[in-house]
Amino acid sequence: ENKLKQTEAMILSMTVQERRKPLILNASRRKRIADGSGTTVRD
């Protein structure tokens, strides 16, 4: 259940553009998403 919540948090930390175009998710964007969702870049 926590894994599911973690996944939802990562997606919510993305911008609308990033959700619609996953290919633009570069290293800096991934770092921001990890920080915003309380996860790691690896996640």
Full PDB file with SEQRES, HELIX, SHEET, SSBOND, CRYST1, ORIGX, SCALE, CONECT and MASTER records, all heavy atoms in Angstrom:
SEQRES   1 A   43  GLU ASN LYS LEU LYS GLN THR GLU ALA MET ILE LEU SER          
SEQRES   2 A   43  MET THR VAL GLN GLU ARG ARG LYS PRO LEU ILE LEU ASN          
SEQRES   3 A   43  ALA SER ARG ARG LYS ARG ILE ALA ASP GLY SER GLY THR          
SEQRES   4 A   43  THR VAL ARG ASP                                              
HELIX    1 AA1 ASN A    2  LEU A   12  1                                  11    
HELIX    2 AA2 VAL A   16  ARG A   20  1                                   5    
HELIX    3 AA3 PRO A   22  ILE A   24  5                                   3    
HELIX    4 AA4 ALA A   27  SER A   37  1                                  11    
CRYST1    1.000    1.000    1.000  90.00  90.00  90.00 P 1           1          
ORIGX1      1.000000  0.000000  0.000000        0.00000                         
ORIGX2      0.000000  1.000000  0.000000        0.00000                         
ORIGX3      0.000000  0.000000  1.000000        0.00000                         
SCALE1      1.000000  0.000000  0.000000        0.00000                         
SCALE2      0.000000  1.000000  0.000000        0.00000                         
SCALE3      0.000000  0.000000  1.000000        0.00000                         
ATOM      1  N   GLU A   1       0.837  -1.203   0.000  1.00  0.00           N  
ATOM      2  CA  GLU A   1       0.000   0.000   0.000  1.00  0.00           C  
ATOM      3  C   GLU A   1       0.873   1.254   0.000  1.00  0.00           C  
ATOM      4  O   GLU A   1       0.589   2.236  -0.684  1.00  0.00           O  
ATOM      5  CB  GLU A   1      -0.914  -0.001   1.233  1.00  0.00           C  
ATOM      6  CG  GLU A   1      -1.991  -1.079   1.221  1.00  0.00           C  
ATOM      7  CD  GLU A   1      -3.061  -0.844   0.177  1.00  0.00           C  
ATOM      8  OE1 GLU A   1      -3.194   0.301  -0.310  1.00  0.00           O  
ATOM      9  OE2 GLU A   1      -3.756  -1.813  -0.174  1.00  0.00           O  
ATOM     10  N   ASN A   2       1.950   1.222   0.785  1.00  0.00           N  
ATOM     11  CA  ASN A   2       2.864   2.369   0.844  1.00  0.00           C  
ATOM     12  C   ASN A   2       3.567   2.588  -0.492  1.00  0.00           C  
ATOM     13  O   ASN A   2       3.840   3.723  -0.887  1.00  0.00           O  
ATOM     14  CB  ASN A   2       3.893   2.177   1.958  1.00  0.00           C  
ATOM     15  CG  ASN A   2       3.271   2.269   3.344  1.00  0.00           C  
ATOM     16  OD1 ASN A   2       2.236   2.900   3.510  1.00  0.00           O  
ATOM     17  ND2 ASN A   2       3.890   1.640   4.327  1.00  0.00           N  
ATOM     18  N   LYS A   3       3.872   1.483  -1.174  1.00  0.00           N  
ATOM     19  CA  LYS A   3       4.508   1.583  -2.485  1.00  0.00           C  
ATOM     20  C   LYS A   3       3.573   2.274  -3.480  1.00  0.00           C  
ATOM     21  O   LYS A   3       3.996   3.095  -4.303  1.00  0.00           O  
ATOM     22  CB  LYS A   3       4.877   0.183  -2.988  1.00  0.00           C  
ATOM     23  CG  LYS A   3       5.740   0.162  -4.236  1.00  0.00           C  
ATOM     24  CD  LYS A   3       7.132   0.681  -3.955  1.00  0.00           C  
ATOM     25  CE  LYS A   3       8.023   0.549  -5.185  1.00  0.00           C  
ATOM     26  NZ  LYS A   3       9.349   1.151  -4.958  1.00  0.00           N  
ATOM     27  N   LEU A   4       2.286   1.948  -3.369  1.00  0.00           N  
ATOM     28  CA  LEU A   4       1.293   2.572  -4.241  1.00  0.00           C  
ATOM     29  C   LEU A   4       1.204   4.072  -3.958  1.00  0.00           C  
ATOM     30  O   LEU A   4       1.148   4.907  -4.878  1.00  0.00           O  
ATOM     31  CB  LEU A   4      -0.068   1.911  -4.008  1.00  0.00           C  
ATOM     32  CG  LEU A   4      -1.135   2.104  -5.091  1.00  0.00           C  
ATOM     33  CD1 LEU A   4      -0.703   1.451  -6.390  1.00  0.00           C  
ATOM     34  CD2 LEU A   4      -2.455   1.519  -4.626  1.00  0.00           C  
ATOM     35  N   LYS A   5       1.201   4.456  -2.672  1.00  0.00           N  
ATOM     36  CA  LYS A   5       1.165   5.872  -2.296  1.00  0.00           C  
ATOM     37  C   LYS A   5       2.426   6.591  -2.775  1.00  0.00           C  
ATOM     38  O   LYS A   5       2.365   7.748  -3.208  1.00  0.00           O  
ATOM     39  CB  LYS A   5       1.044   5.991  -0.777  1.00  0.00           C  
ATOM     40  CG  LYS A   5      -0.288   5.523  -0.222  1.00  0.00           C  
ATOM     41  CD  LYS A   5      -0.308   5.606   1.291  1.00  0.00           C  
ATOM     42  CE  LYS A   5      -1.619   5.069   1.856  1.00  0.00           C  
ATOM     43  NZ  LYS A   5      -1.626   5.074   3.345  1.00  0.00           N  
ATOM     44  N   GLN A   6       3.561   5.902  -2.691  1.00  0.00           N  
ATOM     45  CA  GLN A   6       4.825   6.487  -3.128  1.00  0.00           C  
ATOM     46  C   GLN A   6       4.796   6.770  -4.628  1.00  0.00           C  
ATOM     47  O   GLN A   6       5.248   7.828  -5.089  1.00  0.00           O  
ATOM     48  CB  GLN A   6       5.968   5.530  -2.786  1.00  0.00           C  
ATOM     49  CG  GLN A   6       7.356   6.089  -3.043  1.00  0.00           C  
ATOM     50  CD  GLN A   6       8.427   5.054  -2.765  1.00  0.00           C  
ATOM     51  OE1 GLN A   6       8.589   4.084  -3.502  1.00  0.00           O  
ATOM     52  NE2 GLN A   6       9.170   5.258  -1.676  1.00  0.00           N  
ATOM     53  N   THR A   7       4.243   5.826  -5.381  1.00  0.00           N  
ATOM     54  CA  THR A   7       4.137   6.013  -6.829  1.00  0.00           C  
ATOM     55  C   THR A   7       3.232   7.196  -7.154  1.00  0.00           C  
ATOM     56  O   THR A   7       3.544   8.023  -8.020  1.00  0.00           O  
ATOM     57  CB  THR A   7       3.581   4.734  -7.491  1.00  0.00           C  
ATOM     58  OG1 THR A   7       4.463   3.655  -7.224  1.00  0.00           O  
ATOM     59  CG2 THR A   7       3.423   4.909  -8.992  1.00  0.00           C  
ATOM     60  N   GLU A   8       2.115   7.300  -6.449  1.00  0.00           N  
ATOM     61  CA  GLU A   8       1.198   8.421  -6.667  1.00  0.00           C  
ATOM     62  C   GLU A   8       1.883   9.744  -6.340  1.00  0.00           C  
ATOM     63  O   GLU A   8       1.725  10.736  -7.062  1.00  0.00           O  
ATOM     64  CB  GLU A   8      -0.054   8.253  -5.797  1.00  0.00           C  
ATOM     65  CG  GLU A   8      -1.101   9.326  -6.031  1.00  0.00           C  
ATOM     66  CD  GLU A   8      -2.371   9.085  -5.234  1.00  0.00           C  
ATOM     67  OE1 GLU A   8      -2.383   8.184  -4.376  1.00  0.00           O  
ATOM     68  OE2 GLU A   8      -3.358   9.809  -5.470  1.00  0.00           O  
ATOM     69  N   ALA A   9       2.670   9.773  -5.258  1.00  0.00           N  
ATOM     70  CA  ALA A   9       3.377  10.996  -4.864  1.00  0.00           C  
ATOM     71  C   ALA A   9       4.375  11.420  -5.942  1.00  0.00           C  
ATOM     72  O   ALA A   9       4.507  12.615  -6.245  1.00  0.00           O  
ATOM     73  CB  ALA A   9       4.098  10.782  -3.537  1.00  0.00           C  
ATOM     74  N   MET A  10       5.075  10.452  -6.537  1.00  0.00           N  
ATOM     75  CA  MET A  10       6.047  10.781  -7.591  1.00  0.00           C  
ATOM     76  C   MET A  10       5.350  11.374  -8.820  1.00  0.00           C  
ATOM     77  O   MET A  10       5.822  12.340  -9.405  1.00  0.00           O  
ATOM     78  CB  MET A  10       6.847   9.529  -7.973  1.00  0.00           C  
ATOM     79  CG  MET A  10       7.891   9.138  -6.940  1.00  0.00           C  
ATOM     80  SD  MET A  10       9.006   7.802  -7.488  1.00  0.00           S  
ATOM     81  CE  MET A  10       7.951   6.368  -7.263  1.00  0.00           C  
ATOM     82  N   ILE A  11       4.214  10.795  -9.187  1.00  0.00           N  
ATOM     83  CA  ILE A  11       3.492  11.311 -10.356  1.00  0.00           C  
ATOM     84  C   ILE A  11       2.935  12.700 -10.074  1.00  0.00           C  
ATOM     85  O   ILE A  11       2.966  13.592 -10.938  1.00  0.00           O  
ATOM     86  CB  ILE A  11       2.359  10.338 -10.756  1.00  0.00           C  
ATOM     87  CG1 ILE A  11       2.956   8.974 -11.154  1.00  0.00           C  
ATOM     88  CG2 ILE A  11       1.539  10.903 -11.911  1.00  0.00           C  
ATOM     89  CD1 ILE A  11       1.918   7.901 -11.436  1.00  0.00           C  
ATOM     90  N   LEU A  12       2.435  12.922  -8.850  1.00  0.00           N  
ATOM     91  CA  LEU A  12       1.894  14.232  -8.482  1.00  0.00           C  
ATOM     92  C   LEU A  12       2.980  15.307  -8.431  1.00  0.00           C  
ATOM     93  O   LEU A  12       2.696  16.498  -8.550  1.00  0.00           O  
ATOM     94  CB  LEU A  12       1.183  14.152  -7.128  1.00  0.00           C  
ATOM     95  CG  LEU A  12      -0.160  13.407  -7.127  1.00  0.00           C  
ATOM     96  CD1 LEU A  12      -0.665  13.222  -5.704  1.00  0.00           C  
ATOM     97  CD2 LEU A  12      -1.195  14.146  -7.969  1.00  0.00           C  
ATOM     98  N   SER A  13       4.238  14.877  -8.236  1.00  0.00           N  
ATOM     99  CA  SER A  13       5.350  15.832  -8.201  1.00  0.00           C  
ATOM    100  C   SER A  13       5.804  16.249  -9.594  1.00  0.00           C  
ATOM    101  O   SER A  13       6.637  17.137  -9.747  1.00  0.00           O  
ATOM    102  CB  SER A  13       6.538  15.229  -7.434  1.00  0.00           C  
ATOM    103  OG  SER A  13       6.208  15.058  -6.078  1.00  0.00           O  
ATOM    104  N   MET A  14       5.260  15.598 -10.616  1.00  0.00           N  
ATOM    105  CA  MET A  14       5.571  15.972 -11.996  1.00  0.00           C  
ATOM    106  C   MET A  14       4.663  17.117 -12.433  1.00  0.00           C  
ATOM    107  O   MET A  14       3.550  17.259 -11.940  1.00  0.00           O  
ATOM    108  CB  MET A  14       5.340  14.776 -12.938  1.00  0.00           C  
ATOM    109  CG  MET A  14       6.203  13.573 -12.651  1.00  0.00           C  
ATOM    110  SD  MET A  14       5.749  12.186 -13.763  1.00  0.00           S  
ATOM    111  CE  MET A  14       6.729  10.849 -13.088  1.00  0.00           C  
ATOM    112  N   THR A  15       5.134  17.897 -13.375  1.00  0.00           N  
ATOM    113  CA  THR A  15       4.277  18.910 -13.989  1.00  0.00           C  
ATOM    114  C   THR A  15       3.346  18.214 -14.969  1.00  0.00           C  
ATOM    115  O   THR A  15       3.570  17.049 -15.349  1.00  0.00           O  
ATOM    116  CB  THR A  15       5.099  19.957 -14.740  1.00  0.00           C  
ATOM    117  OG1 THR A  15       5.770  19.324 -15.843  1.00  0.00           O  
ATOM    118  CG2 THR A  15       6.131  20.607 -13.820  1.00  0.00           C  
ATOM    119  N   VAL A  16       2.296  18.906 -15.382  1.00  0.00           N  
ATOM    120  CA  VAL A  16       1.356  18.334 -16.354  1.00  0.00           C  
ATOM    121  C   VAL A  16       2.090  17.950 -17.637  1.00  0.00           C  
ATOM    122  O   VAL A  16       1.860  16.884 -18.221  1.00  0.00           O  
ATOM    123  CB  VAL A  16       0.222  19.330 -16.662  1.00  0.00           C  
ATOM    124  CG1 VAL A  16      -0.668  18.793 -17.785  1.00  0.00           C  
ATOM    125  CG2 VAL A  16      -0.607  19.598 -15.412  1.00  0.00           C  
ATOM    126  N   GLN A  17       3.015  18.808 -18.066  1.00  0.00           N  
ATOM    127  CA  GLN A  17       3.782  18.529 -19.288  1.00  0.00           C  
ATOM    128  C   GLN A  17       4.617  17.269 -19.121  1.00  0.00           C  
ATOM    129  O   GLN A  17       4.714  16.450 -20.049  1.00  0.00           O  
ATOM    130  CB  GLN A  17       4.674  19.719 -19.628  1.00  0.00           C  
ATOM    131  CG  GLN A  17       5.411  19.560 -20.956  1.00  0.00           C  
ATOM    132  CD  GLN A  17       6.357  20.723 -21.223  1.00  0.00           C  
ATOM    133  OE1 GLN A  17       6.810  21.384 -20.283  1.00  0.00           O  
ATOM    134  NE2 GLN A  17       6.645  20.989 -22.491  1.00  0.00           N  
ATOM    135  N   GLU A  18       5.223  17.099 -17.956  1.00  0.00           N  
ATOM    136  CA  GLU A  18       6.068  15.918 -17.707  1.00  0.00           C  
ATOM    137  C   GLU A  18       5.243  14.640 -17.682  1.00  0.00           C  
ATOM    138  O   GLU A  18       5.693  13.590 -18.152  1.00  0.00           O  
ATOM    139  CB  GLU A  18       6.812  16.090 -16.382  1.00  0.00           C  
ATOM    140  CG  GLU A  18       7.924  17.132 -16.459  1.00  0.00           C  
ATOM    141  CD  GLU A  18       8.465  17.507 -15.099  1.00  0.00           C  
ATOM    142  OE1 GLU A  18       7.814  17.193 -14.068  1.00  0.00           O  
ATOM    143  OE2 GLU A  18       9.546  18.126 -15.044  1.00  0.00           O  
ATOM    144  N   ARG A  19       4.034  14.718 -17.158  1.00  0.00           N  
ATOM    145  CA  ARG A  19       3.170  13.527 -17.123  1.00  0.00           C  
ATOM    146  C   ARG A  19       2.760  13.123 -18.534  1.00  0.00           C  
ATOM    147  O   ARG A  19       2.650  11.942 -18.837  1.00  0.00           O  
ATOM    148  CB  ARG A  19       1.920  13.813 -16.289  1.00  0.00           C  
ATOM    149  CG  ARG A  19       2.174  13.968 -14.804  1.00  0.00           C  
ATOM    150  CD  ARG A  19       0.859  14.246 -14.085  1.00  0.00           C  
ATOM    151  NE  ARG A  19       1.079  15.045 -12.893  1.00  0.00           N  
ATOM    152  CZ  ARG A  19       0.134  15.695 -12.246  1.00  0.00           C  
ATOM    153  NH1 ARG A  19      -1.110  15.658 -12.696  1.00  0.00           N  
ATOM    154  NH2 ARG A  19       0.409  16.391 -11.167  1.00  0.00           N  
ATOM    155  N   ARG A  20       2.515  14.134 -19.364  1.00  0.00           N  
ATOM    156  CA  ARG A  20       2.057  13.838 -20.722  1.00  0.00           C  
ATOM    157  C   ARG A  20       3.197  13.468 -21.668  1.00  0.00           C  
ATOM    158  O   ARG A  20       2.984  12.778 -22.656  1.00  0.00           O  
ATOM    159  CB  ARG A  20       1.293  15.057 -21.278  1.00  0.00           C  
ATOM    160  CG  ARG A  20      -0.014  15.315 -20.546  1.00  0.00           C  
ATOM    161  CD  ARG A  20      -0.702  16.572 -21.034  1.00  0.00           C  
ATOM    162  NE  ARG A  20      -1.974  16.786 -20.342  1.00  0.00           N  
ATOM    163  CZ  ARG A  20      -2.718  17.874 -20.457  1.00  0.00           C  
ATOM    164  NH1 ARG A  20      -2.303  18.864 -21.264  1.00  0.00           N  
ATOM    165  NH2 ARG A  20      -3.853  17.997 -19.795  1.00  0.00           N  
ATOM    166  N   LYS A  21       4.404  13.952 -21.347  1.00  0.00           N  
ATOM    167  CA  LYS A  21       5.566  13.663 -22.203  1.00  0.00           C  
ATOM    168  C   LYS A  21       6.720  13.159 -21.332  1.00  0.00           C  
ATOM    169  O   LYS A  21       7.660  13.909 -21.017  1.00  0.00           O  
ATOM    170  CB  LYS A  21       5.988  14.911 -22.977  1.00  0.00           C  
ATOM    171  CG  LYS A  21       4.920  15.420 -23.936  1.00  0.00           C  
ATOM    172  CD  LYS A  21       5.403  16.668 -24.679  1.00  0.00           C  
ATOM    173  CE  LYS A  21       4.352  17.165 -25.652  1.00  0.00           C  
ATOM    174  NZ  LYS A  21       4.803  18.386 -26.379  1.00  0.00           N  
ATOM    175  N   PRO A  22       6.681  11.898 -20.919  1.00  0.00           N  
ATOM    176  CA  PRO A  22       7.710  11.337 -20.029  1.00  0.00           C  
ATOM    177  C   PRO A  22       9.122  11.426 -20.603  1.00  0.00           C  
ATOM    178  O   PRO A  22      10.089  11.414 -19.844  1.00  0.00           O  
ATOM    179  CB  PRO A  22       7.273   9.872 -19.870  1.00  0.00           C  
ATOM    180  CG  PRO A  22       5.814   9.867 -20.183  1.00  0.00           C  
ATOM    181  CD  PRO A  22       5.625  10.906 -21.226  1.00  0.00           C  
ATOM    182  N   LEU A  23       9.250  11.562 -21.927  1.00  0.00           N  
ATOM    183  CA  LEU A  23      10.578  11.587 -22.545  1.00  0.00           C  
ATOM    184  C   LEU A  23      11.379  12.835 -22.155  1.00  0.00           C  
ATOM    185  O   LEU A  23      12.613  12.846 -22.283  1.00  0.00           O  
ATOM    186  CB  LEU A  23      10.448  11.524 -24.077  1.00  0.00           C  
ATOM    187  CG  LEU A  23       9.915  10.189 -24.641  1.00  0.00           C  
ATOM    188  CD1 LEU A  23       9.758  10.291 -26.151  1.00  0.00           C  
ATOM    189  CD2 LEU A  23      10.853   9.041 -24.284  1.00  0.00           C  
ATOM    190  N   ILE A  24      10.707  13.876 -21.656  1.00  0.00           N  
ATOM    191  CA  ILE A  24      11.442  15.102 -21.291  1.00  0.00           C  
ATOM    192  C   ILE A  24      11.999  15.032 -19.861  1.00  0.00           C  
ATOM    193  O   ILE A  24      12.616  15.992 -19.394  1.00  0.00           O  
ATOM    194  CB  ILE A  24      10.542  16.350 -21.431  1.00  0.00           C  
ATOM    195  CG1 ILE A  24       9.434  16.334 -20.366  1.00  0.00           C  
ATOM    196  CG2 ILE A  24       9.956  16.436 -22.825  1.00  0.00           C  
ATOM    197  CD1 ILE A  24       8.621  17.622 -20.328  1.00  0.00           C  
ATOM    198  N   LEU A  25      11.787  13.911 -19.194  1.00  0.00           N  
ATOM    199  CA  LEU A  25      12.236  13.788 -17.805  1.00  0.00           C  
ATOM    200  C   LEU A  25      13.745  13.541 -17.743  1.00  0.00           C  
ATOM    201  O   LEU A  25      14.223  12.415 -17.678  1.00  0.00           O  
ATOM    202  CB  LEU A  25      11.474  12.640 -17.107  1.00  0.00           C  
ATOM    203  CG  LEU A  25       9.993  12.918 -16.833  1.00  0.00           C  
ATOM    204  CD1 LEU A  25       9.275  11.659 -16.381  1.00  0.00           C  
ATOM    205  CD2 LEU A  25       9.843  14.020 -15.799  1.00  0.00           C  
ATOM    206  N   ASN A  26      14.507  14.627 -17.755  1.00  0.00           N  
ATOM    207  CA  ASN A  26      15.968  14.537 -17.671  1.00  0.00           C  
ATOM    208  C   ASN A  26      16.416  14.443 -16.201  1.00  0.00           C  
ATOM    209  O   ASN A  26      15.580  14.378 -15.284  1.00  0.00           O  
ATOM    210  CB  ASN A  26      16.625  15.723 -18.374  1.00  0.00           C  
ATOM    211  CG  ASN A  26      16.143  17.060 -17.803  1.00  0.00           C  
ATOM    212  OD1 ASN A  26      15.733  17.146 -16.650  1.00  0.00           O  
ATOM    213  ND2 ASN A  26      16.212  18.106 -18.617  1.00  0.00           N  
ATOM    214  N   ALA A  27      17.718  14.465 -15.977  1.00  0.00           N  
ATOM    215  CA  ALA A  27      18.279  14.263 -14.633  1.00  0.00           C  
ATOM    216  C   ALA A  27      17.805  15.308 -13.627  1.00  0.00           C  
ATOM    217  O   ALA A  27      17.445  14.985 -12.486  1.00  0.00           O  
ATOM    218  CB  ALA A  27      19.800  14.253 -14.706  1.00  0.00           C  
ATOM    219  N   SER A  28      17.807  16.584 -14.028  1.00  0.00           N  
ATOM    220  CA  SER A  28      17.407  17.641 -13.085  1.00  0.00           C  
ATOM    221  C   SER A  28      15.924  17.553 -12.733  1.00  0.00           C  
ATOM    222  O   SER A  28      15.528  17.796 -11.581  1.00  0.00           O  
ATOM    223  CB  SER A  28      17.722  19.016 -13.689  1.00  0.00           C  
ATOM    224  OG  SER A  28      16.987  19.226 -14.883  1.00  0.00           O  
ATOM    225  N   ARG A  29      15.117  17.203 -13.715  1.00  0.00           N  
ATOM    226  CA  ARG A  29      13.679  17.049 -13.462  1.00  0.00           C  
ATOM    227  C   ARG A  29      13.436  15.868 -12.515  1.00  0.00           C  
ATOM    228  O   ARG A  29      12.592  15.950 -11.610  1.00  0.00           O  
ATOM    229  CB  ARG A  29      12.915  16.831 -14.771  1.00  0.00           C  
ATOM    230  CG  ARG A  29      12.851  18.070 -15.675  1.00  0.00           C  
ATOM    231  CD  ARG A  29      12.192  17.733 -17.001  1.00  0.00           C  
ATOM    232  NE  ARG A  29      12.193  18.851 -17.931  1.00  0.00           N  
ATOM    233  CZ  ARG A  29      11.191  19.716 -18.071  1.00  0.00           C  
ATOM    234  NH1 ARG A  29      10.106  19.582 -17.317  1.00  0.00           N  
ATOM    235  NH2 ARG A  29      11.267  20.696 -18.947  1.00  0.00           N  
ATOM    236  N   ARG A  30      14.159  14.800 -12.718  1.00  0.00           N  
ATOM    237  CA  ARG A  30      14.002  13.622 -11.859  1.00  0.00           C  
ATOM    238  C   ARG A  30      14.409  13.932 -10.422  1.00  0.00           C  
ATOM    239  O   ARG A  30      13.795  13.449  -9.469  1.00  0.00           O  
ATOM    240  CB  ARG A  30      14.822  12.453 -12.419  1.00  0.00           C  
ATOM    241  CG  ARG A  30      14.353  12.009 -13.793  1.00  0.00           C  
ATOM    242  CD  ARG A  30      15.110  10.804 -14.315  1.00  0.00           C  
ATOM    243  NE  ARG A  30      14.761  10.526 -15.707  1.00  0.00           N  
ATOM    244  CZ  ARG A  30      14.902   9.350 -16.304  1.00  0.00           C  
ATOM    245  NH1 ARG A  30      15.430   8.338 -15.634  1.00  0.00           N  
ATOM    246  NH2 ARG A  30      14.558   9.180 -17.558  1.00  0.00           N  
ATOM    247  N   LYS A  31      15.462  14.744 -10.267  1.00  0.00           N  
ATOM    248  CA  LYS A  31      15.902  15.130  -8.924  1.00  0.00           C  
ATOM    249  C   LYS A  31      14.816  15.959  -8.241  1.00  0.00           C  
ATOM    250  O   LYS A  31      14.521  15.776  -7.058  1.00  0.00           O  
ATOM    251  CB  LYS A  31      17.188  15.947  -9.039  1.00  0.00           C  
ATOM    252  CG  LYS A  31      17.734  16.491  -7.700  1.00  0.00           C  
ATOM    253  CD  LYS A  31      18.216  15.358  -6.811  1.00  0.00           C  
ATOM    254  CE  LYS A  31      19.033  15.866  -5.626  1.00  0.00           C  
ATOM    255  NZ  LYS A  31      18.291  16.784  -4.744  1.00  0.00           N  
ATOM    256  N   ARG A  32      14.186  16.864  -8.984  1.00  0.00           N  
ATOM    257  CA  ARG A  32      13.125  17.693  -8.421  1.00  0.00           C  
ATOM    258  C   ARG A  32      11.924  16.838  -8.012  1.00  0.00           C  
ATOM    259  O   ARG A  32      11.320  17.048  -6.957  1.00  0.00           O  
ATOM    260  CB  ARG A  32      12.689  18.733  -9.451  1.00  0.00           C  
ATOM    261  CG  ARG A  32      11.792  19.828  -8.868  1.00  0.00           C  
ATOM    262  CD  ARG A  32      10.964  20.530  -9.918  1.00  0.00           C  
ATOM    263  NE  ARG A  32       9.868  19.719 -10.388  1.00  0.00           N  
ATOM    264  CZ  ARG A  32       9.777  19.214 -11.613  1.00  0.00           C  
ATOM    265  NH1 ARG A  32      10.723  19.427 -12.507  1.00  0.00           N  
ATOM    266  NH2 ARG A  32       8.733  18.493 -11.946  1.00  0.00           N  
ATOM    267  N   ILE A  33      11.584  15.863  -8.837  1.00  0.00           N  
ATOM    268  CA  ILE A  33      10.458  14.967  -8.560  1.00  0.00           C  
ATOM    269  C   ILE A  33      10.732  14.145  -7.296  1.00  0.00           C  
ATOM    270  O   ILE A  33       9.853  13.976  -6.439  1.00  0.00           O  
ATOM    271  CB  ILE A  33      10.191  14.042  -9.761  1.00  0.00           C  
ATOM    272  CG1 ILE A  33       9.665  14.854 -10.946  1.00  0.00           C  
ATOM    273  CG2 ILE A  33       9.203  12.931  -9.394  1.00  0.00           C  
ATOM    274  CD1 ILE A  33       9.656  14.114 -12.262  1.00  0.00           C  
ATOM    275  N   ALA A  34      11.959  13.651  -7.163  1.00  0.00           N  
ATOM    276  CA  ALA A  34      12.332  12.869  -5.986  1.00  0.00           C  
ATOM    277  C   ALA A  34      12.231  13.715  -4.720  1.00  0.00           C  
ATOM    278  O   ALA A  34      11.690  13.278  -3.694  1.00  0.00           O  
ATOM    279  CB  ALA A  34      13.751  12.319  -6.147  1.00  0.00           C  
ATOM    280  N   ASP A  35      12.729  14.940  -4.789  1.00  0.00           N  
ATOM    281  CA  ASP A  35      12.672  15.837  -3.634  1.00  0.00           C  
ATOM    282  C   ASP A  35      11.225  16.179  -3.269  1.00  0.00           C  
ATOM    283  O   ASP A  35      10.862  16.248  -2.092  1.00  0.00           O  
ATOM    284  CB  ASP A  35      13.444  17.124  -3.920  1.00  0.00           C  
ATOM    285  CG  ASP A  35      14.946  16.890  -4.042  1.00  0.00           C  
ATOM    286  OD1 ASP A  35      15.408  15.833  -3.544  1.00  0.00           O  
ATOM    287  OD2 ASP A  35      15.645  17.738  -4.638  1.00  0.00           O  
ATOM    288  N   GLY A  36      10.425  16.382  -4.282  1.00  0.00           N  
ATOM    289  CA  GLY A  36       9.032  16.773  -4.047  1.00  0.00           C  
ATOM    290  C   GLY A  36       8.160  15.660  -3.516  1.00  0.00           C  
ATOM    291  O   GLY A  36       7.136  15.916  -2.873  1.00  0.00           O  
ATOM    292  N   SER A  37       8.546  14.412  -3.782  1.00  0.00           N  
ATOM    293  CA  SER A  37       7.729  13.269  -3.358  1.00  0.00           C  
ATOM    294  C   SER A  37       8.296  12.529  -2.153  1.00  0.00           C  
ATOM    295  O   SER A  37       7.719  11.530  -1.701  1.00  0.00           O  
ATOM    296  CB  SER A  37       7.565  12.284  -4.525  1.00  0.00           C  
ATOM    297  OG  SER A  37       8.835  11.819  -4.967  1.00  0.00           O  
ATOM    298  N   GLY A  38       9.434  13.001  -1.659  1.00  0.00           N  
ATOM    299  CA  GLY A  38      10.038  12.334  -0.515  1.00  0.00           C  
ATOM    300  C   GLY A  38      10.623  10.981  -0.853  1.00  0.00           C  
ATOM    301  O   GLY A  38      10.702  10.093   0.001  1.00  0.00           O  
ATOM    302  N   THR A  39      11.025  10.810  -2.107  1.00  0.00           N  
ATOM    303  CA  THR A  39      11.623   9.549  -2.555  1.00  0.00           C  
ATOM    304  C   THR A  39      13.054   9.823  -3.014  1.00  0.00           C  
ATOM    305  O   THR A  39      13.580  10.918  -2.841  1.00  0.00           O  
ATOM    306  CB  THR A  39      10.798   8.942  -3.704  1.00  0.00           C  
ATOM    307  OG1 THR A  39      10.757   9.883  -4.798  1.00  0.00           O  
ATOM    308  CG2 THR A  39       9.375   8.642  -3.251  1.00  0.00           C  
ATOM    309  N   THR A  40      13.678   8.823  -3.614  1.00  0.00           N  
ATOM    310  CA  THR A  40      15.027   8.984  -4.135  1.00  0.00           C  
ATOM    311  C   THR A  40      15.000   9.034  -5.654  1.00  0.00           C  
ATOM    312  O   THR A  40      14.009   8.628  -6.285  1.00  0.00           O  
ATOM    313  CB  THR A  40      15.922   7.808  -3.696  1.00  0.00           C  
ATOM    314  OG1 THR A  40      15.433   6.594  -4.304  1.00  0.00           O  
ATOM    315  CG2 THR A  40      15.917   7.646  -2.181  1.00  0.00           C  
ATOM    316  N   VAL A  41      16.090   9.515  -6.236  1.00  0.00           N  
ATOM    317  CA  VAL A  41      16.201   9.544  -7.698  1.00  0.00           C  
ATOM    318  C   VAL A  41      16.125   8.121  -8.243  1.00  0.00           C  
ATOM    319  O   VAL A  41      15.568   7.879  -9.318  1.00  0.00           O  
ATOM    320  CB  VAL A  41      17.528  10.216  -8.122  1.00  0.00           C  
ATOM    321  CG1 VAL A  41      17.728  10.102  -9.633  1.00  0.00           C  
ATOM    322  CG2 VAL A  41      17.534  11.689  -7.701  1.00  0.00           C  
ATOM    323  N   ARG A  42      16.662   7.195  -7.488  1.00  0.00           N  
ATOM    324  CA  ARG A  42      16.611   5.787  -7.907  1.00  0.00           C  
ATOM    325  C   ARG A  42      15.156   5.311  -8.027  1.00  0.00           C  
ATOM    326  O   ARG A  42      14.820   4.595  -8.974  1.00  0.00           O  
ATOM    327  CB  ARG A  42      17.357   4.923  -6.893  1.00  0.00           C  
ATOM    328  CG  ARG A  42      17.384   3.449  -7.252  1.00  0.00           C  
ATOM    329  CD  ARG A  42      18.142   2.652  -6.198  1.00  0.00           C  
ATOM    330  NE  ARG A  42      18.137   1.232  -6.515  1.00  0.00           N  
ATOM    331  CZ  ARG A  42      18.677   0.294  -5.745  1.00  0.00           C  
ATOM    332  NH1 ARG A  42      19.271   0.624  -4.598  1.00  0.00           N  
ATOM    333  NH2 ARG A  42      18.621  -0.982  -6.096  1.00  0.00           N  
ATOM    334  N   ASP A  43      14.307   5.714  -7.077  1.00  0.00           N  
ATOM    335  CA  ASP A  43      12.887   5.337  -7.145  1.00  0.00           C  
ATOM    336  C   ASP A  43      12.233   5.926  -8.392  1.00  0.00           C  
ATOM    337  O   ASP A  43      11.464   5.251  -9.085  1.00  0.00           O  
ATOM    338  CB  ASP A  43      12.153   5.836  -5.897  1.00  0.00           C  
ATOM    339  CG  ASP A  43      12.587   5.129  -4.626  1.00  0.00           C  
ATOM    340  OD1 ASP A  43      12.940   3.942  -4.705  1.00  0.00           O  
ATOM    341  OD2 ASP A  43      12.579   5.777  -3.558  1.00  0.00           O  
TER     342      ASP A  43                                                      
MASTER        0    0    0    4    0    0    0    6  341    1    0    4          
END                                                                             
